[in-house]
PDB file of N, CA and C in Angstrom:
ATOM      1  N   MET A   1      85.827 -72.839-121.121  1.00  0.00           N
ATOM      2  CA  MET A   1      84.314 -72.463-121.423  1.00  0.00           C
ATOM      3  C   MET A   1      84.093 -70.909-121.040  1.00  0.00           C
ATOM      4  N   ASN A   2      83.441 -70.547-122.516  1.00  0.00           N
ATOM      5  CA  ASN A   2      82.782 -69.204-122.188  1.00  0.00           C
ATOM      6  C   ASN A   2      81.878 -69.043-121.566  1.00  0.00           C
ATOM      7  N   PHE A   3      81.894 -67.781-120.702  1.00  0.00           N
ATOM      8  CA  PHE A   3      80.612 -67.113-120.251  1.00  0.00           C
ATOM      9  C   PHE A   3      80.310 -65.893-120.324  1.00  0.00           C
ATOM     10  N   PRO A   4      79.660 -65.142-121.234  1.00  0.00           N
ATOM     11  CA  PRO A   4      79.613 -63.795-121.539  1.00  0.00           C
ATOM     12  C   PRO A   4      78.744 -63.247-120.339  1.00  0.00           C
ATOM     13  N   THR A   5      79.138 -61.900-120.264  1.00  0.00           N
ATOM     14  CA  THR A   5      78.617 -61.212-118.908  1.00  0.00           C
ATOM     15  C   THR A   5      77.282 -60.388-119.603  1.00  0.00           C
ATOM     16  N   ASN A   6      77.335 -60.597-120.963  1.00  0.00           N
ATOM     17  CA  ASN A   6      76.082 -59.353-121.491  1.00  0.00           C
ATOM     18  C   ASN A   6      75.276 -60.160-121.725  1.00  0.00           C
ATOM     19  N   VAL A   7      74.683 -61.569-121.272  1.00  0.00           N
ATOM     20  CA  VAL A   7      73.566 -62.471-121.585  1.00  0.00           C
ATOM     21  C   VAL A   7      73.273 -63.017-120.382  1.00  0.00           C
ATOM     22  N   LYS A   8      71.904 -63.613-120.363  1.00  0.00           N
ATOM     23  CA  LYS A   8      71.551 -64.329-119.125  1.00  0.00           C
ATOM     24  C   LYS A   8      71.452 -65.224-119.242  1.00  0.00           C
ATOM     25  N   TYR A   9      71.342 -66.532-118.144  1.00  0.00           N
ATOM     26  CA  TYR A   9      71.194 -68.057-118.582  1.00  0.00           C
ATOM     27  C   TYR A   9      69.715 -68.231-118.408  1.00  0.00           C
ATOM     28  N   THR A  10      69.446 -69.678-118.315  1.00  0.00           N
ATOM     29  CA  THR A  10      68.524 -70.620-118.024  1.00  0.00           C
ATOM     30  C   THR A  10      68.874 -71.943-117.215  1.00  0.00           C
ATOM     31  N   SER A  11      68.317 -72.375-116.581  1.00  0.00           N
ATOM     32  CA  SER A  11      68.847 -73.796-115.952  1.00  0.00           C
ATOM     33  C   SER A  11      68.892 -74.796-117.219  1.00  0.00           C
ATOM     34  N   GLU A  12      68.052 -74.737-118.035  1.00  0.00           N
ATOM     35  CA  GLU A  12      68.027 -75.475-119.479  1.00  0.00           C
ATOM     36  C   GLU A  12      69.202 -75.293-120.390  1.00  0.00           C
ATOM     37  N   HIS A  13      70.043 -74.445-119.854  1.00  0.00           N
ATOM     38  CA  HIS A  13      71.566 -74.087-120.954  1.00  0.00           C
ATOM     39  C   HIS A  13      70.797 -73.351-122.121  1.00  0.00           C
ATOM     40  N   GLU A  14      70.129 -72.804-122.188  1.00  0.00           N
ATOM     41  CA  GLU A  14      69.908 -71.578-123.372  1.00  0.00           C
ATOM     42  C   GLU A  14      70.387 -69.954-122.830  1.00  0.00           C
ATOM     43  N   TRP A  15      70.852 -69.434-123.380  1.00  0.00           N
ATOM     44  CA  TRP A  15      70.930 -67.677-123.084  1.00  0.00           C
ATOM     45  C   TRP A  15      70.336 -67.111-123.561  1.00  0.00           C
ATOM     46  N   ILE A  16      69.939 -66.004-123.515  1.00  0.00           N
ATOM     47  CA  ILE A  16      69.532 -64.713-124.184  1.00  0.00           C
ATOM     48  C   ILE A  16      70.049 -63.390-124.033  1.00  0.00           C
ATOM     49  N   ARG A  17      70.153 -62.435-124.890  1.00  0.00           N
ATOM     50  CA  ARG A  17      71.000 -61.244-125.208  1.00  0.00           C
ATOM     51  C   ARG A  17      69.906 -60.003-125.499  1.00  0.00           C
ATOM     52  N   LEU A  18      69.614 -59.166-124.987  1.00  0.00           N
ATOM     53  CA  LEU A  18      68.856 -58.300-125.283  1.00  0.00           C
ATOM     54  C   LEU A  18      69.132 -56.859-125.931  1.00  0.00           C
ATOM     55  N   GLU A  19      68.789 -56.916-126.922  1.00  0.00           N
ATOM     56  CA  GLU A  19      69.239 -55.536-127.609  1.00  0.00           C
ATOM     57  C   GLU A  19      68.364 -54.727-128.443  1.00  0.00           C
ATOM     58  N   GLY A  20      67.977 -53.777-127.823  1.00  0.00           N
ATOM     59  CA  GLY A  20      66.899 -52.654-128.157  1.00  0.00           C
ATOM     60  C   GLY A  20      65.691 -53.283-127.682  1.00  0.00           C
ATOM     61  N   GLU A  21      64.991 -53.345-128.755  1.00  0.00           N
ATOM     62  CA  GLU A  21      63.621 -53.680-128.547  1.00  0.00           C
ATOM     63  C   GLU A  21      63.553 -55.538-128.664  1.00  0.00           C
ATOM     64  N   GLU A  22      64.765 -56.062-128.890  1.00  0.00           N
ATOM     65  CA  GLU A  22      64.900 -57.520-129.521  1.00  0.00           C
ATOM     66  C   GLU A  22      65.766 -58.193-128.718  1.00  0.00           C
ATOM     67  N   ALA A  23      65.644 -59.538-128.801  1.00  0.00           N
ATOM     68  CA  ALA A  23      66.662 -60.236-128.161  1.00  0.00           C
ATOM     69  C   ALA A  23      66.842 -61.276-128.831  1.00  0.00           C
ATOM     70  N   PHE A  24      68.444 -62.013-128.682  1.00  0.00           N
ATOM     71  CA  PHE A  24      68.704 -62.902-129.716  1.00  0.00           C
ATOM     72  C   PHE A  24      68.803 -64.217-128.335  1.00  0.00           C
ATOM     73  N   VAL A  25      68.235 -65.471-129.000  1.00  0.00           N
ATOM     74  CA  VAL A  25      68.731 -66.756-127.835  1.00  0.00           C
ATOM     75  C   VAL A  25      69.307 -67.888-128.838  1.00  0.00           C
ATOM     76  N   GLY A  26      70.282 -68.297-127.631  1.00  0.00           N
ATOM     77  CA  GLY A  26      70.643 -69.626-128.276  1.00  0.00           C
ATOM     78  C   GLY A  26      71.108 -70.638-127.112  1.00  0.00           C
ATOM     79  N   ILE A  27      72.056 -71.835-127.552  1.00  0.00           N
ATOM     80  CA  ILE A  27      72.526 -72.423-126.119  1.00  0.00           C
ATOM     81  C   ILE A  27      73.853 -71.792-126.116  1.00  0.00           C
ATOM     82  N   THR A  28      73.918 -72.382-124.467  1.00  0.00           N
ATOM     83  CA  THR A  28      75.099 -72.009-123.988  1.00  0.00           C
ATOM     84  C   THR A  28      76.477 -72.687-124.459  1.00  0.00           C
ATOM     85  N   ASP A  29      77.682 -72.524-124.238  1.00  0.00           N
ATOM     86  CA  ASP A  29      79.140 -73.359-124.702  1.00  0.00           C
ATOM     87  C   ASP A  29      78.872 -74.398-123.817  1.00  0.00           C
ATOM     88  N   TYR A  30      78.446 -74.655-122.774  1.00  0.00           N
ATOM     89  CA  TYR A  30      78.425 -75.929-122.219  1.00  0.00           C
ATOM     90  C   TYR A  30      77.595 -76.891-122.373  1.00  0.00           C
ATOM     91  N   ALA A  31      76.486 -76.111-123.274  1.00  0.00           N
ATOM     92  CA  ALA A  31      75.662 -77.228-123.317  1.00  0.00           C
ATOM     93  C   ALA A  31      75.784 -77.941-124.751  1.00  0.00           C
ATOM     94  N   GLN A  32      76.740 -77.058-125.665  1.00  0.00           N
ATOM     95  CA  GLN A  32      77.187 -77.332-127.271  1.00  0.00           C
ATOM     96  C   GLN A  32      78.356 -78.418-126.758  1.00  0.00           C
ATOM     97  N   GLU A  33      79.051 -78.023-125.465  1.00  0.00           N
ATOM     98  CA  GLU A  33      79.720 -79.232-125.477  1.00  0.00           C
ATOM     99  C   GLU A  33      79.374 -80.311-124.905  1.00  0.00           C
ATOM    100  N   GLN A  34      78.276 -80.434-124.195  1.00  0.00           N
ATOM    101  CA  GLN A  34      77.570 -81.879-123.854  1.00  0.00           C
ATOM    102  C   GLN A  34      76.971 -82.390-124.898  1.00  0.00           C
ATOM    103  N   LEU A  35      76.544 -81.627-125.700  1.00  0.00           N
ATOM    104  CA  LEU A  35      75.707 -82.143-126.778  1.00  0.00           C
ATOM    105  C   LEU A  35      76.528 -82.974-127.796  1.00  0.00           C
ATOM    106  N   GLY A  36      77.742 -82.652-128.092  1.00  0.00           N
ATOM    107  CA  GLY A  36      78.742 -82.946-129.370  1.00  0.00           C
ATOM    108  C   GLY A  36      78.092 -81.852-130.424  1.00  0.00           C
ATOM    109  N   ASP A  37      78.602 -82.748-131.852  1.00  0.00           N
ATOM    110  CA  ASP A  37      78.230 -81.800-132.743  1.00  0.00           C
ATOM    111  C   ASP A  37      76.912 -82.066-133.685  1.00  0.00           C
ATOM    112  N   ILE A  38      76.248 -80.622-133.648  1.00  0.00           N
ATOM    113  CA  ILE A  38      75.406 -80.562-134.178  1.00  0.00           C
ATOM    114  C   ILE A  38      74.859 -80.713-135.533  1.00  0.00           C
ATOM    115  N   VAL A  39      73.896 -81.516-136.025  1.00  0.00           N
ATOM    116  CA  VAL A  39      73.579 -81.849-137.354  1.00  0.00           C
ATOM    117  C   VAL A  39      72.175 -81.159-137.834  1.00  0.00           C
ATOM    118  N   PHE A  40      71.747 -80.400-137.139  1.00  0.00           N
ATOM    119  CA  PHE A  40      70.327 -80.150-137.601  1.00  0.00           C
ATOM    120  C   PHE A  40      69.685 -79.266-136.170  1.00  0.00           C
ATOM    121  N   VAL A  41      69.236 -77.924-136.548  1.00  0.00           N
ATOM    122  CA  VAL A  41      68.537 -77.205-135.669  1.00  0.00           C
ATOM    123  C   VAL A  41      67.154 -76.685-136.215  1.00  0.00           C
ATOM    124  N   ASP A  42      66.199 -77.179-135.590  1.00  0.00           N
ATOM    125  CA  ASP A  42      64.604 -77.232-136.308  1.00  0.00           C
ATOM    126  C   ASP A  42      63.958 -76.337-135.294  1.00  0.00           C
ATOM    127  N   VAL A  43      63.426 -75.239-136.029  1.00  0.00           N
ATOM    128  CA  VAL A  43      62.450 -74.144-135.202  1.00  0.00           C
ATOM    129  C   VAL A  43      61.351 -73.800-135.919  1.00  0.00           C
ATOM    130  N   PRO A  44      60.317 -74.322-135.677  1.00  0.00           N
ATOM    131  CA  PRO A  44      59.032 -74.624-136.344  1.00  0.00           C
ATOM    132  C   PRO A  44      57.965 -73.577-135.958  1.00  0.00           C
ATOM    133  N   THR A  45      58.792 -72.440-135.238  1.00  0.00           N
ATOM    134  CA  THR A  45      57.608 -71.848-134.349  1.00  0.00           C
ATOM    135  C   THR A  45      57.750 -70.309-134.906  1.00  0.00           C
ATOM    136  N   GLU A  46      58.425 -69.854-135.793  1.00  0.00           N
ATOM    137  CA  GLU A  46      59.047 -68.536-136.436  1.00  0.00           C
ATOM    138  C   GLU A  46      57.610 -68.009-136.646  1.00  0.00           C
ATOM    139  N   GLY A  47      57.278 -66.863-136.014  1.00  0.00           N
ATOM    140  CA  GLY A  47      56.431 -65.919-136.343  1.00  0.00           C
ATOM    141  C   GLY A  47      55.098 -66.291-135.255  1.00  0.00           C
ATOM    142  N   GLU A  48      55.417 -67.040-134.460  1.00  0.00           N
ATOM    143  CA  GLU A  48      54.358 -67.798-133.262  1.00  0.00           C
ATOM    144  C   GLU A  48      54.665 -66.958-132.023  1.00  0.00           C
ATOM    145  N   THR A  49      54.064 -66.355-130.755  1.00  0.00           N
ATOM    146  CA  THR A  49      54.363 -65.951-130.086  1.00  0.00           C
ATOM    147  C   THR A  49      54.317 -67.125-128.760  1.00  0.00           C
ATOM    148  N   LEU A  50      55.199 -67.295-128.023  1.00  0.00           N
ATOM    149  CA  LEU A  50      55.197 -68.315-126.921  1.00  0.00           C
ATOM    150  C   LEU A  50      55.495 -67.911-125.793  1.00  0.00           C
ATOM    151  N   GLU A  51      55.406 -68.564-124.439  1.00  0.00           N
ATOM    152  CA  GLU A  51      55.690 -67.722-123.068  1.00  0.00           C
ATOM    153  C   GLU A  51      56.626 -68.788-122.792  1.00  0.00           C
ATOM    154  N   LYS A  52      57.211 -68.014-121.854  1.00  0.00           N
ATOM    155  CA  LYS A  52      58.498 -68.488-120.881  1.00  0.00           C
ATOM    156  C   LYS A  52      58.357 -69.958-120.225  1.00  0.00           C
ATOM    157  N   GLY A  53      59.628 -70.350-120.866  1.00  0.00           N
ATOM    158  CA  GLY A  53      59.846 -71.987-120.664  1.00  0.00           C
ATOM    159  C   GLY A  53      59.148 -72.931-121.733  1.00  0.00           C
ATOM    160  N   GLU A  54      58.352 -72.362-122.687  1.00  0.00           N
ATOM    161  CA  GLU A  54      58.200 -73.645-124.058  1.00  0.00           C
ATOM    162  C   GLU A  54      59.000 -73.754-124.730  1.00  0.00           C
ATOM    163  N   THR A  55      58.447 -74.401-125.675  1.00  0.00           N
ATOM    164  CA  THR A  55      59.607 -75.277-126.417  1.00  0.00           C
ATOM    165  C   THR A  55      59.549 -74.589-127.701  1.00  0.00           C
ATOM    166  N   PHE A  56      60.422 -73.839-128.378  1.00  0.00           N
ATOM    167  CA  PHE A  56      60.476 -72.954-129.593  1.00  0.00           C
ATOM    168  C   PHE A  56      61.123 -73.985-130.846  1.00  0.00           C
ATOM    169  N   GLY A  57      61.984 -75.272-130.567  1.00  0.00           N
ATOM    170  CA  GLY A  57      62.308 -76.117-131.110  1.00  0.00           C
ATOM    171  C   GLY A  57      63.281 -76.885-130.660  1.00  0.00           C
ATOM    172  N   SER A  58      63.973 -77.306-131.501  1.00  0.00           N
ATOM    173  CA  SER A  58      64.840 -78.574-131.064  1.00  0.00           C
ATOM    174  C   SER A  58      66.240 -78.388-131.995  1.00  0.00           C
ATOM    175  N   ILE A  59      67.174 -79.331-131.418  1.00  0.00           N
ATOM    176  CA  ILE A  59      68.613 -79.557-132.020  1.00  0.00           C
ATOM    177  C   ILE A  59      69.079 -81.146-131.901  1.00  0.00           C
ATOM    178  N   GLU A  60      69.463 -81.444-132.757  1.00  0.00           N
ATOM    179  CA  GLU A  60      69.780 -82.647-133.211  1.00  0.00           C
ATOM    180  C   GLU A  60      71.358 -82.477-133.361  1.00  0.00           C
ATOM    181  N   VAL A  61      72.079 -83.867-132.683  1.00  0.00           N
ATOM    182  CA  VAL A  61      73.218 -84.495-132.762  1.00  0.00           C
ATOM    183  C   VAL A  61      72.856 -85.812-133.024  1.00  0.00           C
ATOM    184  N   VAL A  62      74.562 -86.442-133.191  1.00  0.00           N
ATOM    185  CA  VAL A  62      74.403 -87.438-134.174  1.00  0.00           C
ATOM    186  C   VAL A  62      73.387 -88.845-133.569  1.00  0.00           C
ATOM    187  N   LYS A  63      73.146 -88.556-132.110  1.00  0.00           N
ATOM    188  CA  LYS A  63      72.653 -89.566-131.543  1.00  0.00           C
ATOM    189  C   LYS A  63      71.213 -89.608-130.391  1.00  0.00           C
ATOM    190  N   THR A  64      71.043 -88.322-130.517  1.00  0.00           N
ATOM    191  CA  THR A  64      70.121 -87.713-130.135  1.00  0.00           C
ATOM    192  C   THR A  64      69.514 -86.191-130.069  1.00  0.00           C
ATOM    193  N   VAL A  65      67.996 -85.989-130.213  1.00  0.00           N
ATOM    194  CA  VAL A  65      67.467 -84.735-130.400  1.00  0.00           C
ATOM    195  C   VAL A  65      67.184 -83.832-128.846  1.00  0.00           C
ATOM    196  N   SER A  66      67.324 -82.965-128.816  1.00  0.00           N
ATOM    197  CA  SER A  66      67.010 -82.194-127.434  1.00  0.00           C
ATOM    198  C   SER A  66      66.125 -81.033-127.766  1.00  0.00           C
ATOM    199  N   ASP A  67      65.258 -80.510-126.771  1.00  0.00           N
ATOM    200  CA  ASP A  67      64.507 -79.419-126.902  1.00  0.00           C
ATOM    201  C   ASP A  67      64.950 -78.297-126.803  1.00  0.00           C
ATOM    202  N   LEU A  68      64.350 -77.065-127.218  1.00  0.00           N
ATOM    203  CA  LEU A  68      65.076 -76.039-126.543  1.00  0.00           C
ATOM    204  C   LEU A  68      63.426 -75.136-126.106  1.00  0.00           C
ATOM    205  N   PHE A  69      64.337 -74.336-125.469  1.00  0.00           N
ATOM    206  CA  PHE A  69      63.201 -73.632-124.286  1.00  0.00           C
ATOM    207  C   PHE A  69      63.358 -72.445-124.323  1.00  0.00           C
ATOM    208  N   LEU A  70      62.512 -71.503-124.544  1.00  0.00           N
ATOM    209  CA  LEU A  70      62.298 -70.128-124.662  1.00  0.00           C
ATOM    210  C   LEU A  70      62.236 -69.558-123.308  1.00  0.00           C
ATOM    211  N   PRO A  71      63.629 -68.397-123.047  1.00  0.00           N
ATOM    212  CA  PRO A  71      64.401 -68.377-121.806  1.00  0.00           C
ATOM    213  C   PRO A  71      63.033 -66.877-120.940  1.00  0.00           C
ATOM    214  N   ILE A  72      62.582 -66.316-121.960  1.00  0.00           N
ATOM    215  CA  ILE A  72      61.294 -65.347-121.729  1.00  0.00           C
ATOM    216  C   ILE A  72      60.053 -65.584-123.042  1.00  0.00           C
ATOM    217  N   GLY A  73      59.174 -64.814-122.673  1.00  0.00           N
ATOM    218  CA  GLY A  73      58.333 -65.119-123.725  1.00  0.00           C
ATOM    219  C   GLY A  73      58.135 -63.705-124.738  1.00  0.00           C
ATOM    220  N   GLY A  74      58.031 -64.661-125.732  1.00  0.00           N
ATOM    221  CA  GLY A  74      58.213 -63.201-126.620  1.00  0.00           C
ATOM    222  C   GLY A  74      57.569 -64.121-128.351  1.00  0.00           C
ATOM    223  N   GLU A  75      57.751 -63.150-129.197  1.00  0.00           N
ATOM    224  CA  GLU A  75      57.489 -63.685-130.500  1.00  0.00           C
ATOM    225  C   GLU A  75      58.912 -63.767-131.141  1.00  0.00           C
ATOM    226  N   ILE A  76      58.560 -64.643-131.819  1.00  0.00           N
ATOM    227  CA  ILE A  76      59.713 -65.403-132.381  1.00  0.00           C
ATOM    228  C   ILE A  76      59.863 -64.693-134.449  1.00  0.00           C
ATOM    229  N   LEU A  77      60.534 -63.673-134.137  1.00  0.00           N
ATOM    230  CA  LEU A  77      60.717 -63.073-135.292  1.00  0.00           C
ATOM    231  C   LEU A  77      61.382 -63.562-136.688  1.00  0.00           C
ATOM    232  N   GLU A  78      62.810 -64.346-136.264  1.00  0.00           N
ATOM    233  CA  GLU A  78      63.523 -65.059-137.122  1.00  0.00           C
ATOM    234  C   GLU A  78      64.378 -66.220-136.493  1.00  0.00           C
ATOM    235  N   VAL A  79      64.693 -67.275-137.506  1.00  0.00           N
ATOM    236  CA  VAL A  79      65.587 -68.380-137.249  1.00  0.00           C
ATOM    237  C   VAL A  79      66.803 -67.964-137.819  1.00  0.00           C
ATOM    238  N   ASN A  80      67.817 -68.039-137.249  1.00  0.00           N
ATOM    239  CA  ASN A  80      69.058 -68.015-138.020  1.00  0.00           C
ATOM    240  C   ASN A  80      69.374 -68.440-139.206  1.00  0.00           C
ATOM    241  N   PRO A  81      69.140 -67.893-140.553  1.00  0.00           N
ATOM    242  CA  PRO A  81      69.277 -68.605-141.535  1.00  0.00           C
ATOM    243  C   PRO A  81      70.619 -68.726-141.829  1.00  0.00           C
ATOM    244  N   GLU A  82      71.469 -68.856-141.001  1.00  0.00           N
ATOM    245  CA  GLU A  82      73.053 -69.480-141.599  1.00  0.00           C
ATOM    246  C   GLU A  82      72.839 -70.558-141.040  1.00  0.00           C
ATOM    247  N   LEU A  83      72.348 -71.172-139.751  1.00  0.00           N
ATOM    248  CA  LEU A  83      72.106 -72.471-139.347  1.00  0.00           C
ATOM    249  C   LEU A  83      71.319 -73.416-140.253  1.00  0.00           C
ATOM    250  N   GLU A  84      70.662 -73.283-141.330  1.00  0.00           N
ATOM    251  CA  GLU A  84      70.270 -74.020-142.123  1.00  0.00           C
ATOM    252  C   GLU A  84      71.432 -74.870-142.996  1.00  0.00           C
ATOM    253  N   GLU A  85      72.252 -74.313-143.731  1.00  0.00           N
ATOM    254  CA  GLU A  85      73.372 -74.569-144.276  1.00  0.00           C
ATOM    255  C   GLU A  85      74.736 -75.106-143.196  1.00  0.00           C
ATOM    256  N   HIS A  86      74.608 -74.554-141.971  1.00  0.00           N
ATOM    257  CA  HIS A  86      76.119 -74.308-141.095  1.00  0.00           C
ATOM    258  C   HIS A  86      75.312 -74.773-139.722  1.00  0.00           C
ATOM    259  N   PRO A  87      74.688 -75.856-139.540  1.00  0.00           N
ATOM    260  CA  PRO A  87      74.604 -76.257-137.889  1.00  0.00           C
ATOM    261  C   PRO A  87      75.734 -76.110-137.027  1.00  0.00           C
ATOM    262  N   GLU A  88      76.903 -76.294-137.741  1.00  0.00           N
ATOM    263  CA  GLU A  88      77.824 -76.407-136.732  1.00  0.00           C
ATOM    264  C   GLU A  88      78.253 -74.926-136.234  1.00  0.00           C
ATOM    265  N   LEU A  89      77.688 -74.056-136.456  1.00  0.00           N
ATOM    266  CA  LEU A  89      78.136 -72.534-136.038  1.00  0.00           C
ATOM    267  C   LEU A  89      77.590 -72.627-134.485  1.00  0.00           C
ATOM    268  N   VAL A  90      76.860 -73.311-134.193  1.00  0.00           N
ATOM    269  CA  VAL A  90      76.179 -73.478-132.768  1.00  0.00           C
ATOM    270  C   VAL A  90      77.377 -74.389-132.009  1.00  0.00           C
ATOM    271  N   ASN A  91      78.252 -75.286-132.415  1.00  0.00           N
ATOM    272  CA  ASN A  91      79.055 -75.377-132.047  1.00  0.00           C
ATOM    273  C   ASN A  91      80.327 -74.545-131.461  1.00  0.00           C
ATOM    274  N   GLN A  92      81.179 -74.276-132.801  1.00  0.00           N
ATOM    275  CA  GLN A  92      81.806 -73.315-133.248  1.00  0.00           C
ATOM    276  C   GLN A  92      81.469 -72.024-132.551  1.00  0.00           C
ATOM    277  N   ASP A  93      80.526 -71.096-132.195  1.00  0.00           N
ATOM    278  CA  ASP A  93      80.162 -69.676-131.984  1.00  0.00           C
ATOM    279  C   ASP A  93      78.768 -69.408-131.366  1.00  0.00           C
ATOM    280  N   PRO A  94      78.752 -70.558-129.969  1.00  0.00           N
ATOM    281  CA  PRO A  94      77.759 -70.640-129.468  1.00  0.00           C
ATOM    282  C   PRO A  94      76.868 -68.972-129.204  1.00  0.00           C
ATOM    283  N   TYR A  95      77.780 -67.991-128.949  1.00  0.00           N
ATOM    284  CA  TYR A  95      77.277 -66.743-128.066  1.00  0.00           C
ATOM    285  C   TYR A  95      77.283 -65.787-129.762  1.00  0.00           C
ATOM    286  N   GLY A  96      77.801 -65.917-130.611  1.00  0.00           N
ATOM    287  CA  GLY A  96      77.992 -65.029-131.796  1.00  0.00           C
ATOM    288  C   GLY A  96      77.078 -65.461-133.208  1.00  0.00           C
ATOM    289  N   LYS A  97      77.740 -66.147-133.984  1.00  0.00           N
ATOM    290  CA  LYS A  97      77.213 -66.262-135.386  1.00  0.00           C
ATOM    291  C   LYS A  97      76.375 -67.718-135.069  1.00  0.00           C
ATOM    292  N   GLY A  98      76.424 -68.238-134.112  1.00  0.00           N
ATOM    293  CA  GLY A  98      75.731 -69.705-133.448  1.00  0.00           C
ATOM    294  C   GLY A  98      74.622 -69.279-133.110  1.00  0.00           C
ATOM    295  N   TRP A  99      73.661 -68.035-133.024  1.00  0.00           N
ATOM    296  CA  TRP A  99      72.827 -67.510-132.334  1.00  0.00           C
ATOM    297  C   TRP A  99      71.375 -68.623-133.298  1.00  0.00           C
ATOM    298  N   ILE A 100      70.578 -68.842-132.008  1.00  0.00           N
ATOM    299  CA  ILE A 100      69.602 -69.455-132.754  1.00  0.00           C
ATOM    300  C   ILE A 100      68.286 -68.871-133.465  1.00  0.00           C
ATOM    301  N   ILE A 101      67.617 -68.052-132.801  1.00  0.00           N
ATOM    302  CA  ILE A 101      66.715 -66.803-132.569  1.00  0.00           C
ATOM    303  C   ILE A 101      66.503 -65.565-132.051  1.00  0.00           C
ATOM    304  N   ARG A 102      65.642 -65.093-133.126  1.00  0.00           N
ATOM    305  CA  ARG A 102      65.811 -63.508-132.593  1.00  0.00           C
ATOM    306  C   ARG A 102      63.918 -63.610-132.233  1.00  0.00           C
ATOM    307  N   ILE A 103      63.826 -62.870-131.314  1.00  0.00           N
ATOM    308  CA  ILE A 103      62.557 -62.280-130.721  1.00  0.00           C
ATOM    309  C   ILE A 103      62.020 -61.213-130.242  1.00  0.00           C
ATOM    310  N   LYS A 104      61.265 -60.936-129.934  1.00  0.00           N
ATOM    311  CA  LYS A 104      60.776 -59.618-129.754  1.00  0.00           C
ATOM    312  C   LYS A 104      59.768 -60.106-128.318  1.00  0.00           C
ATOM    313  N   PRO A 105      60.348 -59.575-127.340  1.00  0.00           N
ATOM    314  CA  PRO A 105      60.082 -59.701-126.325  1.00  0.00           C
ATOM    315  C   PRO A 105      58.925 -59.397-125.314  1.00  0.00           C
ATOM    316  N   THR A 106      57.768 -60.287-124.680  1.00  0.00           N
ATOM    317  CA  THR A 106      56.387 -59.681-124.286  1.00  0.00           C
ATOM    318  C   THR A 106      56.903 -58.839-123.114  1.00  0.00           C
ATOM    319  N   ASP A 107      57.860 -59.519-122.081  1.00  0.00           N
ATOM    320  CA  ASP A 107      58.233 -58.507-121.052  1.00  0.00           C
ATOM    321  C   ASP A 107      58.989 -58.827-120.679  1.00  0.00           C
ATOM    322  N   THR A 108      60.053 -57.642-120.908  1.00  0.00           N
ATOM    323  CA  THR A 108      61.721 -57.680-120.341  1.00  0.00           C
ATOM    324  C   THR A 108      62.200 -58.025-118.864  1.00  0.00           C
ATOM    325  N   ALA A 109      60.805 -57.418-118.246  1.00  0.00           N
ATOM    326  CA  ALA A 109      61.250 -57.693-116.683  1.00  0.00           C
ATOM    327  C   ALA A 109      61.022 -59.510-116.425  1.00  0.00           C
ATOM    328  N   GLU A 110      60.995 -60.202-117.058  1.00  0.00           N
ATOM    329  CA  GLU A 110      60.992 -61.761-116.788  1.00  0.00           C
ATOM    330  C   GLU A 110      62.794 -62.285-117.431  1.00  0.00           C
ATOM    331  N   MET A 111      63.059 -61.146-117.760  1.00  0.00           N
ATOM    332  CA  MET A 111      65.057 -61.269-117.328  1.00  0.00           C
ATOM    333  C   MET A 111      65.773 -61.474-116.473  1.00  0.00           C
ATOM    334  N   ASP A 112      64.784 -60.689-115.262  1.00  0.00           N
ATOM    335  CA  ASP A 112      65.556 -60.433-113.937  1.00  0.00           C
ATOM    336  C   ASP A 112      65.099 -62.202-113.228  1.00  0.00           C
ATOM    337  N   GLU A 113      64.533 -62.741-113.650  1.00  0.00           N
ATOM    338  CA  GLU A 113      64.499 -64.252-112.806  1.00  0.00           C
ATOM    339  C   GLU A 113      65.588 -65.456-113.576  1.00  0.00           C
ATOM    340  N   LEU A 114      66.111 -64.692-114.495  1.00  0.00           N
ATOM    341  CA  LEU A 114      67.489 -65.711-115.089  1.00  0.00           C
ATOM    342  C   LEU A 114      68.841 -65.261-114.730  1.00  0.00           C
ATOM    343  N   MET A 115      69.861 -66.044-114.725  1.00  0.00           N
ATOM    344  CA  MET A 115      70.907 -66.232-113.952  1.00  0.00           C
ATOM    345  C   MET A 115      71.804 -65.286-114.685  1.00  0.00           C
ATOM    346  N   ASP A 116      72.761 -64.694-114.035  1.00  0.00           N
ATOM    347  CA  ASP A 116      74.176 -64.095-114.513  1.00  0.00           C
ATOM    348  C   ASP A 116      75.406 -65.033-114.897  1.00  0.00           C
ATOM    349  N   ALA A 117      75.910 -64.796-115.398  1.00  0.00           N
ATOM    350  CA  ALA A 117      77.481 -65.700-115.849  1.00  0.00           C
ATOM    351  C   ALA A 117      77.803 -66.471-114.309  1.00  0.00           C
ATOM    352  N   ASP A 118      77.896 -65.576-113.243  1.00  0.00           N
ATOM    353  CA  ASP A 118      78.527 -65.994-112.416  1.00  0.00           C
ATOM    354  C   ASP A 118      78.045 -67.298-111.532  1.00  0.00           C
ATOM    355  N   ALA A 119      76.188 -66.926-111.927  1.00  0.00           N
ATOM    356  CA  ALA A 119      75.049 -68.017-111.115  1.00  0.00           C
ATOM    357  C   ALA A 119      75.266 -68.778-112.088  1.00  0.00           C
ATOM    358  N   TYR A 120      75.269 -68.896-113.403  1.00  0.00           N
ATOM    359  CA  TYR A 120      74.919 -70.243-114.230  1.00  0.00           C
ATOM    360  C   TYR A 120      76.063 -70.904-114.109  1.00  0.00           C
ATOM    361  N   ARG A 121      77.523 -70.422-113.872  1.00  0.00           N
ATOM    362  CA  ARG A 121      78.784 -70.979-113.795  1.00  0.00           C
ATOM    363  C   ARG A 121      78.798 -71.971-112.565  1.00  0.00           C
ATOM    364  N   GLN A 122      78.053 -71.448-111.371  1.00  0.00           N
ATOM    365  CA  GLN A 122      78.106 -72.165-110.239  1.00  0.00           C
ATOM    366  C   GLN A 122      76.926 -73.559-110.589  1.00  0.00           C
ATOM    367  N   THR A 123      76.258 -73.031-111.351  1.00  0.00           N
ATOM    368  CA  THR A 123      75.022 -74.399-111.330  1.00  0.00           C
ATOM    369  C   THR A 123      75.996 -75.466-112.362  1.00  0.00           C
ATOM    370  N   ILE A 124      76.973 -75.034-113.139  1.00  0.00           N
ATOM    371  CA  ILE A 124      77.211 -76.010-113.734  1.00  0.00           C
ATOM    372  C   ILE A 124      78.832 -76.539-113.189  1.00  0.00           C
ATOM    373  N   ASN A 125      78.958 -75.970-111.875  1.00  0.00           N
ATOM    374  CA  ASN A 125      80.075 -76.632-111.172  1.00  0.00           C
ATOM    375  C   ASN A 125      81.369 -76.247-112.233  1.00  0.00           C
ATOM    376  N   GLU A 126      81.517 -74.958-112.626  1.00  0.00           N
ATOM    377  CA  GLU A 126      82.562 -74.774-113.264  1.00  0.00           C
ATOM    378  C   GLU A 126      83.341 -74.032-112.514  1.00  0.00           C
TER     379      GLU A 126
END
C-alpha cells in the first residue's frame, strides 16, 4: 500500500496536497482498495466554497455510494475531467492521475490538523 509523504490525510481517508496557492484532493490508496472498482465520481460542488469536513461529492462502486469530505475549507476550482470517462483512475493512481478535485484553500493552517503518512498508517493499522 502506498503512503506518500507529500500529502496530508484525514480520518475519512481523503488526502490533500498543497501546490502553491492551490491544493489537490483525492481518496487514499487504502480507501480505493476497500471500496473496490470505482464506476462513477460525482462532484456537484464545482465553483462552491465549502468548509472543512463538508461533503463535496460522492464516489460510486458497484454495490454502494460513499460521500467525499473536504479535508480543509476552500473553493472547488475544478473536478478532474479525466474521471468522467475513466473513474478507474482513482483505483489505478489515487495520488496522481486519480485526483478528484482542485481547490483554492481558505486557510492552509487547517492542514496542520491533518495526519502525516506515519499517523495515517497507524490509524489503519498498516
